[in-house]
Every structure is written in structure tokens, then in C-alpha cells.
Amino acid sequence: MSDDGGGLVSKGSMIVVSNRLPFVLVRNQKTGALERKASAGGLVTAVSPVVIKGRGVWVGWPGIHLDNPDEKIPESDPDDKTPIAGLLSKKVVAVHVDRDIFDSYYNGCCNGTFWPLFHSMPDRATFCADHWVSYVRVNQEFAAKTVKALEILREETGNGVHTNGNGSENGHTNGHSHGGAPLVWIHDYHLMLAANWLRQAA
């Protein structure tokens, strides 16, 4: 929905979908337990408070390839003062992808093809069909995990949630529920295909 000034407004929770979560998971070498390590960047600083305050969900890759993708994401350290300290583990949906596929998607397609093209350096871009196949597969997985995030919000509110199929050009899609429409923010060129699959599936 739009406000009088033409801006995008939602009374529902925000779901942020980004290539990486606002933190990375690291393995404690002494205990073997997973721990959070805060990520830096403008997206994390600006959007994390909105997600946390609005009881939203964050979808992304956790920065580590786990042998057991069902391993529980830890809560933040009690002494954590970073912007993501209040993001509960139940509000995080981690995307797990095979290591080789992720490398092909991220380093091959995103960094090797899209980054040079989007920064006016086409002569530096590389083109490989396998990288594109990996990009498609990873975007499909992100879309599936975003549907899971919508289901989390639906279970919490007791209301149905679906996308209206009218996503804007910058990757926003709106959902509808009696408690307020969730706003799904799909971030950056890493996930340009995910929104369409999300509309079809949600």
C-alpha cells in the first residue's frame, strides 16, 4: 500500500531477504558450539531495528556451510550491543546451499557477471552457463525459505498471509493479513529472480 506521498507503507511485520543474514555463524573451536558474529554494513544498521521492533523475520545465508542444516541457530550473546542483538533465533530463517553451488552462484554469477555489468565494466564480466544455473537454483531456494518466513508470521498472528503479486521494481512485495500486510524486502542483485517465484508459491 502507499501513503499520500507515494511511499510504501505497511502495518505488518517486515521480512528481509538478503544474500547473508545480519550475522555470520562461526564454530567455537573449544566448545564446538555455533556462535553469532555481527556483520557490518548499511543494510544491517538501517534495517535491523525495524525488523526487530516489528517482530519481523530475516532470511539469508548464515556465512557457514553446516554438515547438519537443522542445527539450531544460537541466540545473541547477552552482552551483545550490536543492532542485531534483539533478533531472536526463531525470527531467523537460514538458507543452506551446497558449497559448490553457492560458490558458483556467488563468486561466479553475482561477482563475476552481475557486479561488473552493474558497475559499468562489461569488459570485466565473465559468462558461464553453469554459473547461471546455480544462480537460478539458489534463488529458488531463497524463495522457498521466504515462504517459510511467511508461514512463521501466519502462525504467530493466526491469520492467512499471501503476496498480491504486485511487487515493485526494487524487489518489494506486499502480503495481506487481517493483522496487517507483511512487507517482504528482497535485497540486491543476488536475488533478482526470487520475487517472482515467491508470488507464485505464496
N, C-alpha and C. Protein backbone atom coordinates (compact mmCIF):
# COMPACT_ATOMS: atom_id res chain seq x y z
N MET A 1 0.84 -1.18 0.00
CA MET A 1 0.00 0.00 0.00
C MET A 1 0.88 1.24 0.00
N SER A 2 0.33 2.37 -0.40
CA SER A 2 1.11 3.61 -0.50
C SER A 2 0.52 4.66 0.41
N ASP A 3 1.37 5.56 0.92
CA ASP A 3 0.88 6.69 1.68
C ASP A 3 0.57 7.82 0.72
N ASP A 4 0.13 8.97 1.24
CA ASP A 4 -0.26 10.09 0.38
C ASP A 4 0.90 10.64 -0.42
N GLY A 5 2.13 10.41 0.07
CA GLY A 5 3.29 10.94 -0.63
C GLY A 5 3.86 9.97 -1.64
N GLY A 6 3.17 8.85 -1.85
CA GLY A 6 3.64 7.89 -2.84
C GLY A 6 4.61 6.88 -2.29
N GLY A 7 4.89 6.93 -0.97
CA GLY A 7 5.81 5.98 -0.39
C GLY A 7 5.13 4.66 -0.07
N LEU A 8 5.94 3.63 0.22
CA LEU A 8 5.42 2.31 0.52
C LEU A 8 5.26 2.17 2.02
N VAL A 9 4.05 1.83 2.48
CA VAL A 9 3.75 1.74 3.90
C VAL A 9 3.11 0.39 4.19
N SER A 10 3.47 -0.22 5.30
CA SER A 10 2.84 -1.46 5.72
C SER A 10 2.70 -1.44 7.23
N LYS A 11 1.57 -1.92 7.72
CA LYS A 11 1.35 -2.02 9.16
C LYS A 11 1.79 -3.39 9.69
N GLY A 12 2.19 -4.26 8.80
CA GLY A 12 2.60 -5.59 9.21
C GLY A 12 4.10 -5.68 9.44
N SER A 13 4.55 -6.88 9.76
CA SER A 13 5.97 -7.11 10.02
C SER A 13 6.76 -7.10 8.72
N MET A 14 8.06 -6.86 8.84
CA MET A 14 8.95 -6.87 7.67
C MET A 14 9.71 -8.18 7.61
N ILE A 15 9.78 -8.74 6.42
CA ILE A 15 10.64 -9.89 6.15
C ILE A 15 11.75 -9.40 5.23
N VAL A 16 12.98 -9.45 5.71
CA VAL A 16 14.12 -9.06 4.89
C VAL A 16 14.76 -10.33 4.32
N VAL A 17 14.98 -10.33 3.02
CA VAL A 17 15.61 -11.46 2.34
C VAL A 17 16.89 -10.93 1.71
N SER A 18 18.02 -11.36 2.21
CA SER A 18 19.30 -10.88 1.70
C SER A 18 20.25 -12.05 1.53
N ASN A 19 21.27 -11.85 0.72
CA ASN A 19 22.23 -12.91 0.46
C ASN A 19 22.79 -13.48 1.75
N ARG A 20 23.08 -12.61 2.71
CA ARG A 20 23.58 -13.05 4.01
C ARG A 20 22.68 -12.57 5.12
N LEU A 21 22.68 -13.32 6.20
CA LEU A 21 21.99 -12.89 7.41
C LEU A 21 22.72 -11.68 7.99
N PRO A 22 22.12 -10.95 8.94
CA PRO A 22 22.80 -9.80 9.53
C PRO A 22 23.92 -10.20 10.49
N PHE A 23 24.16 -11.49 10.59
CA PHE A 23 25.30 -12.01 11.36
C PHE A 23 25.79 -13.25 10.64
N VAL A 24 27.01 -13.66 10.95
CA VAL A 24 27.52 -14.93 10.43
C VAL A 24 27.66 -15.89 11.60
N LEU A 25 27.53 -17.15 11.32
CA LEU A 25 27.74 -18.16 12.33
C LEU A 25 29.18 -18.66 12.26
N VAL A 26 29.80 -18.78 13.41
CA VAL A 26 31.16 -19.31 13.49
C VAL A 26 31.16 -20.45 14.51
N ARG A 27 32.08 -21.38 14.32
CA ARG A 27 32.18 -22.52 15.21
C ARG A 27 33.23 -22.25 16.29
N ASN A 28 32.81 -22.29 17.55
CA ASN A 28 33.75 -22.12 18.65
C ASN A 28 34.70 -23.32 18.66
N GLN A 29 35.99 -23.06 18.50
CA GLN A 29 36.96 -24.14 18.38
C GLN A 29 37.12 -24.95 19.67
N LYS A 30 36.79 -24.35 20.81
CA LYS A 30 36.93 -25.06 22.08
C LYS A 30 35.69 -25.88 22.42
N THR A 31 34.52 -25.29 22.26
CA THR A 31 33.28 -25.96 22.66
C THR A 31 32.58 -26.66 21.51
N GLY A 32 32.89 -26.26 20.28
CA GLY A 32 32.22 -26.82 19.12
C GLY A 32 30.85 -26.23 18.87
N ALA A 33 30.43 -25.29 19.71
CA ALA A 33 29.11 -24.68 19.57
C ALA A 33 29.13 -23.56 18.53
N LEU A 34 27.99 -23.34 17.92
CA LEU A 34 27.85 -22.22 16.99
C LEU A 34 27.69 -20.92 17.78
N GLU A 35 28.27 -19.86 17.24
CA GLU A 35 28.14 -18.54 17.85
C GLU A 35 27.87 -17.52 16.76
N ARG A 36 27.21 -16.44 17.15
CA ARG A 36 26.95 -15.35 16.20
C ARG A 36 28.12 -14.37 16.19
N LYS A 37 28.40 -13.87 15.00
CA LYS A 37 29.36 -12.78 14.85
C LYS A 37 28.69 -11.72 14.00
N ALA A 38 28.49 -10.54 14.56
CA ALA A 38 27.74 -9.49 13.88
C ALA A 38 28.40 -9.09 12.57
N SER A 39 27.57 -8.82 11.56
CA SER A 39 28.05 -8.33 10.27
C SER A 39 27.95 -6.82 10.23
N ALA A 40 28.83 -6.21 9.46
CA ALA A 40 28.79 -4.76 9.28
C ALA A 40 28.07 -4.44 7.98
N GLY A 41 27.69 -3.18 7.83
CA GLY A 41 27.07 -2.76 6.57
C GLY A 41 25.85 -1.91 6.80
N GLY A 42 25.52 -1.13 5.78
CA GLY A 42 24.40 -0.21 5.89
C GLY A 42 23.06 -0.90 6.04
N LEU A 43 22.87 -2.03 5.34
CA LEU A 43 21.59 -2.74 5.43
C LEU A 43 21.34 -3.20 6.85
N VAL A 44 22.34 -3.80 7.47
CA VAL A 44 22.18 -4.31 8.84
C VAL A 44 21.89 -3.17 9.80
N THR A 45 22.65 -2.09 9.70
CA THR A 45 22.48 -0.97 10.61
C THR A 45 21.12 -0.31 10.47
N ALA A 46 20.68 -0.13 9.23
CA ALA A 46 19.44 0.61 8.98
C ALA A 46 18.18 -0.22 9.18
N VAL A 47 18.23 -1.49 8.79
CA VAL A 47 17.01 -2.28 8.74
C VAL A 47 16.79 -3.17 9.96
N SER A 48 17.86 -3.60 10.61
CA SER A 48 17.72 -4.50 11.77
C SER A 48 16.76 -3.97 12.82
N PRO A 49 16.87 -2.69 13.23
CA PRO A 49 15.93 -2.20 14.25
C PRO A 49 14.48 -2.28 13.81
N VAL A 50 14.23 -2.08 12.53
CA VAL A 50 12.85 -2.15 12.01
C VAL A 50 12.33 -3.58 12.09
N VAL A 51 13.16 -4.54 11.69
CA VAL A 51 12.77 -5.95 11.74
C VAL A 51 12.51 -6.38 13.17
N ILE A 52 13.39 -6.00 14.07
CA ILE A 52 13.27 -6.43 15.47
C ILE A 52 12.05 -5.79 16.13
N LYS A 53 11.90 -4.49 15.98
CA LYS A 53 10.78 -3.79 16.61
C LYS A 53 9.45 -4.27 16.05
N GLY A 54 9.41 -4.56 14.76
CA GLY A 54 8.17 -5.02 14.13
C GLY A 54 7.95 -6.51 14.20
N ARG A 55 8.83 -7.21 14.94
CA ARG A 55 8.73 -8.67 15.10
C ARG A 55 8.75 -9.38 13.75
N GLY A 56 9.64 -8.90 12.89
CA GLY A 56 9.77 -9.48 11.57
C GLY A 56 10.71 -10.66 11.53
N VAL A 57 11.06 -11.06 10.31
CA VAL A 57 11.89 -12.24 10.09
C VAL A 57 12.99 -11.88 9.10
N TRP A 58 14.17 -12.47 9.28
CA TRP A 58 15.28 -12.26 8.35
C TRP A 58 15.64 -13.59 7.70
N VAL A 59 15.73 -13.59 6.38
CA VAL A 59 16.08 -14.77 5.60
C VAL A 59 17.43 -14.54 4.94
N GLY A 60 18.35 -15.50 5.06
CA GLY A 60 19.64 -15.33 4.42
C GLY A 60 20.59 -16.48 4.70
N TRP A 61 21.71 -16.47 4.01
CA TRP A 61 22.75 -17.47 4.22
C TRP A 61 23.51 -17.14 5.50
N PRO A 62 23.81 -18.13 6.35
CA PRO A 62 24.45 -17.85 7.64
C PRO A 62 25.96 -17.68 7.60
N GLY A 63 26.56 -17.72 6.41
CA GLY A 63 28.00 -17.50 6.33
C GLY A 63 28.84 -18.72 6.62
N ILE A 64 28.21 -19.88 6.75
CA ILE A 64 28.92 -21.12 7.03
C ILE A 64 28.16 -22.27 6.38
N HIS A 65 28.88 -23.26 5.91
CA HIS A 65 28.25 -24.46 5.35
C HIS A 65 28.24 -25.53 6.44
N LEU A 66 27.05 -25.86 6.92
CA LEU A 66 26.91 -26.79 8.03
C LEU A 66 26.69 -28.21 7.54
N ASP A 67 27.29 -29.17 8.25
CA ASP A 67 27.03 -30.58 7.94
C ASP A 67 25.58 -30.94 8.25
N ASN A 68 25.05 -30.30 9.30
CA ASN A 68 23.65 -30.52 9.69
C ASN A 68 22.89 -29.20 9.54
N PRO A 69 22.16 -29.01 8.45
CA PRO A 69 21.45 -27.75 8.24
C PRO A 69 20.36 -27.49 9.26
N ASP A 70 19.98 -28.51 10.04
CA ASP A 70 18.95 -28.33 11.06
C ASP A 70 19.54 -27.92 12.41
N GLU A 71 20.86 -27.75 12.46
CA GLU A 71 21.48 -27.33 13.72
C GLU A 71 20.92 -25.98 14.14
N LYS A 72 20.54 -25.87 15.39
CA LYS A 72 19.85 -24.69 15.89
C LYS A 72 20.73 -23.45 15.85
N ILE A 73 20.16 -22.35 15.41
CA ILE A 73 20.85 -21.07 15.42
C ILE A 73 20.86 -20.53 16.84
N PRO A 74 22.01 -20.16 17.37
CA PRO A 74 22.06 -19.68 18.76
C PRO A 74 21.44 -18.30 18.90
N GLU A 75 21.03 -18.00 20.13
CA GLU A 75 20.58 -16.64 20.43
C GLU A 75 21.80 -15.74 20.53
N SER A 76 21.58 -14.44 20.49
CA SER A 76 22.69 -13.50 20.59
C SER A 76 23.27 -13.52 22.00
N ASP A 77 24.51 -13.13 22.12
CA ASP A 77 25.17 -13.06 23.42
C ASP A 77 24.48 -12.01 24.28
N PRO A 78 24.28 -12.29 25.58
CA PRO A 78 23.61 -11.31 26.45
C PRO A 78 24.30 -9.95 26.49
N ASP A 79 25.60 -9.93 26.23
CA ASP A 79 26.35 -8.67 26.25
C ASP A 79 26.44 -8.01 24.88
N ASP A 80 25.78 -8.58 23.90
CA ASP A 80 25.83 -8.04 22.54
C ASP A 80 25.14 -6.68 22.48
N LYS A 81 25.84 -5.68 21.97
CA LYS A 81 25.29 -4.33 21.85
C LYS A 81 25.11 -3.92 20.39
N THR A 82 25.27 -4.85 19.48
CA THR A 82 25.14 -4.54 18.05
C THR A 82 23.66 -4.40 17.68
N PRO A 83 23.37 -3.85 16.49
CA PRO A 83 21.97 -3.65 16.08
C PRO A 83 21.14 -4.93 16.01
N ILE A 84 21.79 -6.09 15.87
CA ILE A 84 21.03 -7.32 15.70
C ILE A 84 20.88 -8.11 17.00
N ALA A 85 21.23 -7.51 18.12
CA ALA A 85 21.21 -8.21 19.40
C ALA A 85 19.83 -8.75 19.75
N GLY A 86 18.78 -8.04 19.38
CA GLY A 86 17.43 -8.45 19.74
C GLY A 86 16.75 -9.36 18.73
N LEU A 87 17.48 -9.81 17.72
CA LEU A 87 16.89 -10.68 16.70
C LEU A 87 16.90 -12.12 17.21
N LEU A 88 15.74 -12.62 17.58
CA LEU A 88 15.62 -13.96 18.14
C LEU A 88 15.87 -15.02 17.07
N SER A 89 16.38 -16.16 17.50
CA SER A 89 16.69 -17.23 16.54
C SER A 89 15.43 -17.73 15.82
N LYS A 90 14.27 -17.67 16.49
CA LYS A 90 13.04 -18.11 15.84
C LYS A 90 12.59 -17.13 14.76
N LYS A 91 13.22 -15.97 14.72
CA LYS A 91 12.92 -14.96 13.70
C LYS A 91 13.96 -14.97 12.59
N VAL A 92 14.74 -16.02 12.52
CA VAL A 92 15.79 -16.16 11.50
C VAL A 92 15.53 -17.43 10.70
N VAL A 93 15.54 -17.30 9.39
CA VAL A 93 15.42 -18.47 8.51
C VAL A 93 16.71 -18.56 7.70
N ALA A 94 17.51 -19.56 8.02
CA ALA A 94 18.79 -19.72 7.34
C ALA A 94 18.61 -20.49 6.03
N VAL A 95 19.31 -20.04 5.00
CA VAL A 95 19.29 -20.70 3.70
C VAL A 95 20.58 -21.50 3.56
N HIS A 96 20.44 -22.80 3.39
CA HIS A 96 21.61 -23.67 3.25
C HIS A 96 21.69 -24.20 1.82
N VAL A 97 22.84 -24.02 1.22
CA VAL A 97 23.05 -24.43 -0.17
C VAL A 97 24.37 -25.20 -0.25
N ASP A 98 24.41 -26.19 -1.11
CA ASP A 98 25.65 -26.93 -1.34
C ASP A 98 26.81 -25.97 -1.61
N ARG A 99 27.96 -26.28 -1.04
CA ARG A 99 29.11 -25.38 -1.11
C ARG A 99 29.50 -25.02 -2.54
N ASP A 100 29.57 -26.00 -3.42
CA ASP A 100 29.99 -25.74 -4.80
C ASP A 100 28.95 -24.91 -5.55
N ILE A 101 27.68 -25.19 -5.31
CA ILE A 101 26.62 -24.42 -5.97
C ILE A 101 26.65 -22.98 -5.48
N PHE A 102 26.85 -22.80 -4.18
CA PHE A 102 26.88 -21.44 -3.64
C PHE A 102 28.07 -20.67 -4.20
N ASP A 103 29.21 -21.32 -4.31
CA ASP A 103 30.39 -20.65 -4.86
C ASP A 103 30.16 -20.25 -6.31
N SER A 104 29.52 -21.12 -7.07
CA SER A 104 29.22 -20.82 -8.47
C SER A 104 28.23 -19.66 -8.58
N TYR A 105 27.22 -19.67 -7.72
CA TYR A 105 26.22 -18.59 -7.69
C TYR A 105 26.84 -17.26 -7.28
N TYR A 106 27.60 -17.28 -6.17
CA TYR A 106 28.07 -16.03 -5.58
C TYR A 106 29.32 -15.49 -6.29
N ASN A 107 30.36 -16.29 -6.33
CA ASN A 107 31.61 -15.82 -6.94
C ASN A 107 31.55 -15.86 -8.47
N GLY A 108 30.81 -16.83 -9.01
CA GLY A 108 30.72 -16.94 -10.45
C GLY A 108 29.74 -15.96 -11.07
N CYS A 109 28.46 -16.09 -10.73
CA CYS A 109 27.43 -15.28 -11.38
C CYS A 109 27.34 -13.87 -10.78
N CYS A 110 27.19 -13.78 -9.45
CA CYS A 110 26.99 -12.46 -8.83
C CYS A 110 28.22 -11.57 -8.97
N ASN A 111 29.38 -12.09 -8.54
CA ASN A 111 30.59 -11.28 -8.57
C ASN A 111 31.26 -11.26 -9.94
N GLY A 112 31.18 -12.37 -10.66
CA GLY A 112 31.87 -12.45 -11.94
C GLY A 112 31.10 -11.86 -13.11
N THR A 113 29.77 -11.90 -13.02
CA THR A 113 28.95 -11.40 -14.13
C THR A 113 28.20 -10.13 -13.78
N PHE A 114 27.34 -10.20 -12.76
CA PHE A 114 26.47 -9.07 -12.46
C PHE A 114 27.20 -7.84 -11.93
N TRP A 115 28.15 -8.06 -11.03
CA TRP A 115 28.82 -6.90 -10.42
C TRP A 115 29.50 -6.03 -11.49
N PRO A 116 30.31 -6.59 -12.39
CA PRO A 116 30.90 -5.74 -13.43
C PRO A 116 29.85 -5.08 -14.33
N LEU A 117 28.80 -5.80 -14.68
CA LEU A 117 27.78 -5.23 -15.56
C LEU A 117 27.06 -4.07 -14.89
N PHE A 118 26.75 -4.21 -13.61
CA PHE A 118 26.01 -3.18 -12.90
C PHE A 118 26.89 -2.01 -12.46
N HIS A 119 28.18 -2.14 -12.66
CA HIS A 119 29.10 -1.05 -12.33
C HIS A 119 29.83 -0.54 -13.57
N SER A 120 29.17 -0.69 -14.71
CA SER A 120 29.65 -0.12 -15.99
C SER A 120 31.03 -0.63 -16.39
N MET A 121 31.29 -1.91 -16.13
CA MET A 121 32.55 -2.52 -16.54
C MET A 121 32.27 -3.83 -17.28
N PRO A 122 31.54 -3.77 -18.38
CA PRO A 122 31.16 -5.00 -19.09
C PRO A 122 32.36 -5.80 -19.59
N ASP A 123 33.48 -5.14 -19.82
CA ASP A 123 34.65 -5.85 -20.33
C ASP A 123 35.24 -6.79 -19.28
N ARG A 124 34.88 -6.59 -18.02
CA ARG A 124 35.39 -7.45 -16.95
C ARG A 124 34.44 -8.59 -16.60
N ALA A 125 33.27 -8.58 -17.19
CA ALA A 125 32.28 -9.61 -16.88
C ALA A 125 32.63 -10.94 -17.55
N THR A 126 32.38 -12.01 -16.83
CA THR A 126 32.56 -13.35 -17.37
C THR A 126 31.19 -14.02 -17.48
N PHE A 127 31.03 -14.89 -18.46
CA PHE A 127 29.74 -15.51 -18.70
C PHE A 127 29.91 -17.03 -18.77
N CYS A 128 29.16 -17.71 -17.92
CA CYS A 128 29.25 -19.17 -17.85
C CYS A 128 27.85 -19.72 -17.58
N ALA A 129 27.42 -20.65 -18.41
CA ALA A 129 26.07 -21.20 -18.27
C ALA A 129 25.87 -21.89 -16.92
N ASP A 130 26.91 -22.57 -16.44
CA ASP A 130 26.80 -23.26 -15.15
C ASP A 130 26.58 -22.28 -14.00
N HIS A 131 27.21 -21.11 -14.10
CA HIS A 131 27.02 -20.10 -13.06
C HIS A 131 25.57 -19.62 -13.05
N TRP A 132 24.99 -19.45 -14.22
CA TRP A 132 23.59 -19.03 -14.29
C TRP A 132 22.66 -20.10 -13.72
N VAL A 133 22.94 -21.36 -14.02
CA VAL A 133 22.13 -22.44 -13.47
C VAL A 133 22.18 -22.42 -11.94
N SER A 134 23.36 -22.17 -11.39
CA SER A 134 23.50 -22.08 -9.94
C SER A 134 22.73 -20.89 -9.38
N TYR A 135 22.78 -19.78 -10.10
CA TYR A 135 22.05 -18.58 -9.67
C TYR A 135 20.55 -18.87 -9.60
N VAL A 136 20.03 -19.56 -10.59
CA VAL A 136 18.61 -19.91 -10.61
C VAL A 136 18.26 -20.81 -9.43
N ARG A 137 19.07 -21.82 -9.19
CA ARG A 137 18.80 -22.77 -8.11
C ARG A 137 18.82 -22.09 -6.75
N VAL A 138 19.79 -21.22 -6.53
CA VAL A 138 19.88 -20.54 -5.24
C VAL A 138 18.70 -19.59 -5.05
N ASN A 139 18.31 -18.89 -6.10
CA ASN A 139 17.15 -18.01 -6.00
C ASN A 139 15.88 -18.79 -5.69
N GLN A 140 15.74 -19.97 -6.26
CA GLN A 140 14.59 -20.82 -5.94
C GLN A 140 14.59 -21.20 -4.47
N GLU A 141 15.76 -21.51 -3.95
CA GLU A 141 15.85 -21.89 -2.54
C GLU A 141 15.52 -20.71 -1.63
N PHE A 142 15.99 -19.53 -1.99
CA PHE A 142 15.67 -18.34 -1.20
C PHE A 142 14.16 -18.07 -1.22
N ALA A 143 13.53 -18.25 -2.36
CA ALA A 143 12.09 -18.06 -2.45
C ALA A 143 11.36 -19.04 -1.55
N ALA A 144 11.80 -20.30 -1.55
CA ALA A 144 11.16 -21.31 -0.71
C ALA A 144 11.31 -20.97 0.77
N LYS A 145 12.47 -20.49 1.16
CA LYS A 145 12.69 -20.13 2.56
C LYS A 145 11.90 -18.88 2.94
N THR A 146 11.65 -18.01 1.98
CA THR A 146 10.83 -16.83 2.26
C THR A 146 9.38 -17.23 2.49
N VAL A 147 8.91 -18.23 1.77
CA VAL A 147 7.58 -18.77 2.05
C VAL A 147 7.53 -19.30 3.48
N LYS A 148 8.60 -19.94 3.92
CA LYS A 148 8.66 -20.41 5.30
C LYS A 148 8.56 -19.25 6.28
N ALA A 149 9.22 -18.14 5.96
CA ALA A 149 9.14 -16.95 6.82
C ALA A 149 7.72 -16.42 6.89
N LEU A 150 7.02 -16.42 5.77
CA LEU A 150 5.61 -16.00 5.75
C LEU A 150 4.77 -16.93 6.61
N GLU A 151 5.08 -18.22 6.58
CA GLU A 151 4.34 -19.18 7.39
C GLU A 151 4.59 -18.95 8.88
N ILE A 152 5.80 -18.54 9.23
CA ILE A 152 6.11 -18.22 10.62
C ILE A 152 5.23 -17.08 11.11
N LEU A 153 5.12 -16.04 10.30
CA LEU A 153 4.28 -14.91 10.69
C LEU A 153 2.81 -15.30 10.73
N ARG A 154 2.38 -16.13 9.82
CA ARG A 154 0.99 -16.57 9.80
C ARG A 154 0.66 -17.35 11.07
N GLU A 155 1.57 -18.23 11.50
CA GLU A 155 1.35 -19.00 12.71
C GLU A 155 1.31 -18.11 13.94
N GLU A 156 2.11 -17.06 13.95
CA GLU A 156 2.14 -16.16 15.10
C GLU A 156 0.89 -15.30 15.20
N THR A 157 0.36 -14.89 14.05
CA THR A 157 -0.80 -14.00 14.05
C THR A 157 -2.12 -14.74 13.96
N GLY A 158 -2.06 -15.99 13.49
CA GLY A 158 -3.29 -16.74 13.31
C GLY A 158 -4.07 -16.34 12.08
N ASN A 159 -3.45 -15.55 11.22
CA ASN A 159 -4.12 -15.07 10.01
C ASN A 159 -3.41 -15.60 8.77
N GLY A 160 -4.14 -15.71 7.69
CA GLY A 160 -3.54 -16.11 6.43
C GLY A 160 -2.67 -15.01 5.86
N VAL A 161 -1.64 -15.38 5.16
CA VAL A 161 -0.73 -14.42 4.55
C VAL A 161 -0.48 -14.85 3.12
N HIS A 162 -0.55 -13.91 2.19
CA HIS A 162 -0.20 -14.22 0.81
C HIS A 162 0.29 -12.95 0.12
N THR A 163 1.04 -13.12 -0.93
CA THR A 163 1.52 -11.97 -1.68
C THR A 163 0.48 -11.59 -2.71
N ASN A 164 0.44 -10.30 -3.05
CA ASN A 164 -0.57 -9.86 -4.02
C ASN A 164 -0.07 -9.85 -5.46
N GLY A 165 1.23 -10.18 -5.63
CA GLY A 165 1.75 -10.27 -6.99
C GLY A 165 2.09 -8.94 -7.61
N ASN A 166 2.04 -7.85 -6.83
CA ASN A 166 2.32 -6.53 -7.39
C ASN A 166 3.62 -5.97 -6.82
N GLY A 167 4.67 -6.76 -6.84
CA GLY A 167 5.94 -6.31 -6.32
C GLY A 167 6.47 -5.14 -7.12
N SER A 168 7.09 -4.18 -6.44
CA SER A 168 7.64 -3.03 -7.14
C SER A 168 8.96 -3.41 -7.78
N GLU A 169 9.51 -2.51 -8.57
CA GLU A 169 10.72 -2.81 -9.33
C GLU A 169 11.93 -3.02 -8.44
N ASN A 170 11.91 -2.48 -7.22
CA ASN A 170 13.08 -2.63 -6.36
C ASN A 170 13.00 -3.85 -5.47
N GLY A 171 12.05 -4.76 -5.77
CA GLY A 171 12.05 -6.04 -5.07
C GLY A 171 11.12 -6.12 -3.90
N HIS A 172 10.19 -5.19 -3.70
CA HIS A 172 9.23 -5.27 -2.62
C HIS A 172 7.99 -6.01 -3.09
N THR A 173 7.43 -6.85 -2.21
CA THR A 173 6.13 -7.45 -2.47
C THR A 173 5.29 -7.29 -1.23
N ASN A 174 4.00 -7.14 -1.40
CA ASN A 174 3.09 -6.99 -0.28
C ASN A 174 2.32 -8.28 -0.04
N GLY A 175 2.05 -8.58 1.23
CA GLY A 175 1.17 -9.67 1.59
C GLY A 175 -0.07 -9.09 2.23
N HIS A 176 -1.06 -9.93 2.56
CA HIS A 176 -2.27 -9.45 3.18
C HIS A 176 -2.61 -10.34 4.37
N SER A 177 -2.88 -9.77 5.50
CA SER A 177 -3.42 -10.48 6.64
C SER A 177 -4.27 -9.52 7.42
N HIS A 178 -5.17 -10.05 8.21
CA HIS A 178 -6.07 -9.19 8.96
C HIS A 178 -5.31 -8.36 9.99
N GLY A 179 -4.13 -8.81 10.38
CA GLY A 179 -3.34 -8.07 11.35
C GLY A 179 -2.37 -7.10 10.71
N GLY A 180 -2.43 -6.90 9.42
CA GLY A 180 -1.50 -6.01 8.73
C GLY A 180 -0.69 -6.77 7.72
N ALA A 181 -0.46 -6.16 6.58
CA ALA A 181 0.24 -6.84 5.50
C ALA A 181 1.74 -6.87 5.75
N PRO A 182 2.37 -8.04 5.76
CA PRO A 182 3.82 -8.09 5.90
C PRO A 182 4.50 -7.52 4.66
N LEU A 183 5.59 -6.84 4.88
CA LEU A 183 6.38 -6.27 3.78
C LEU A 183 7.59 -7.16 3.55
N VAL A 184 7.73 -7.70 2.36
CA VAL A 184 8.87 -8.55 2.02
C VAL A 184 9.87 -7.73 1.22
N TRP A 185 11.04 -7.55 1.78
CA TRP A 185 12.11 -6.77 1.15
C TRP A 185 13.16 -7.75 0.62
N ILE A 186 13.21 -7.94 -0.68
CA ILE A 186 14.21 -8.80 -1.30
C ILE A 186 15.35 -7.91 -1.79
N HIS A 187 16.52 -8.11 -1.21
CA HIS A 187 17.59 -7.13 -1.33
C HIS A 187 18.65 -7.50 -2.36
N ASP A 188 18.91 -6.57 -3.27
CA ASP A 188 20.08 -6.55 -4.14
C ASP A 188 20.02 -7.57 -5.28
N TYR A 189 21.04 -7.48 -6.15
CA TYR A 189 21.04 -8.23 -7.40
C TYR A 189 21.33 -9.72 -7.21
N HIS A 190 21.68 -10.11 -6.01
CA HIS A 190 21.90 -11.53 -5.75
C HIS A 190 20.61 -12.35 -5.89
N LEU A 191 19.47 -11.69 -5.75
CA LEU A 191 18.19 -12.40 -5.65
C LEU A 191 17.14 -11.84 -6.60
N MET A 192 17.53 -11.52 -7.81
CA MET A 192 16.61 -10.87 -8.74
C MET A 192 15.48 -11.78 -9.22
N LEU A 193 15.64 -13.08 -9.11
CA LEU A 193 14.60 -14.00 -9.58
C LEU A 193 13.66 -14.45 -8.48
N ALA A 194 14.03 -14.22 -7.24
CA ALA A 194 13.29 -14.80 -6.12
C ALA A 194 11.87 -14.26 -5.99
N ALA A 195 11.66 -12.97 -6.28
CA ALA A 195 10.35 -12.36 -6.06
C ALA A 195 9.26 -13.04 -6.89
N ASN A 196 9.56 -13.36 -8.13
CA ASN A 196 8.54 -13.96 -8.99
C ASN A 196 8.13 -15.33 -8.48
N TRP A 197 9.11 -16.14 -8.06
CA TRP A 197 8.78 -17.45 -7.52
C TRP A 197 8.02 -17.32 -6.21
N LEU A 198 8.33 -16.30 -5.44
CA LEU A 198 7.62 -16.08 -4.18
C LEU A 198 6.15 -15.78 -4.45
N ARG A 199 5.89 -14.94 -5.44
CA ARG A 199 4.50 -14.63 -5.78
C ARG A 199 3.74 -15.88 -6.21
N GLN A 200 4.40 -16.74 -6.95
CA GLN A 200 3.75 -17.95 -7.45
C GLN A 200 3.46 -18.95 -6.33
N ALA A 201 4.36 -18.98 -5.34
CA ALA A 201 4.26 -20.00 -4.30
C ALA A 201 3.46 -19.57 -3.09
N ALA A 202 3.46 -18.27 -2.80
CA ALA A 202 2.86 -17.81 -1.54
C ALA A 202 1.35 -17.67 -1.66
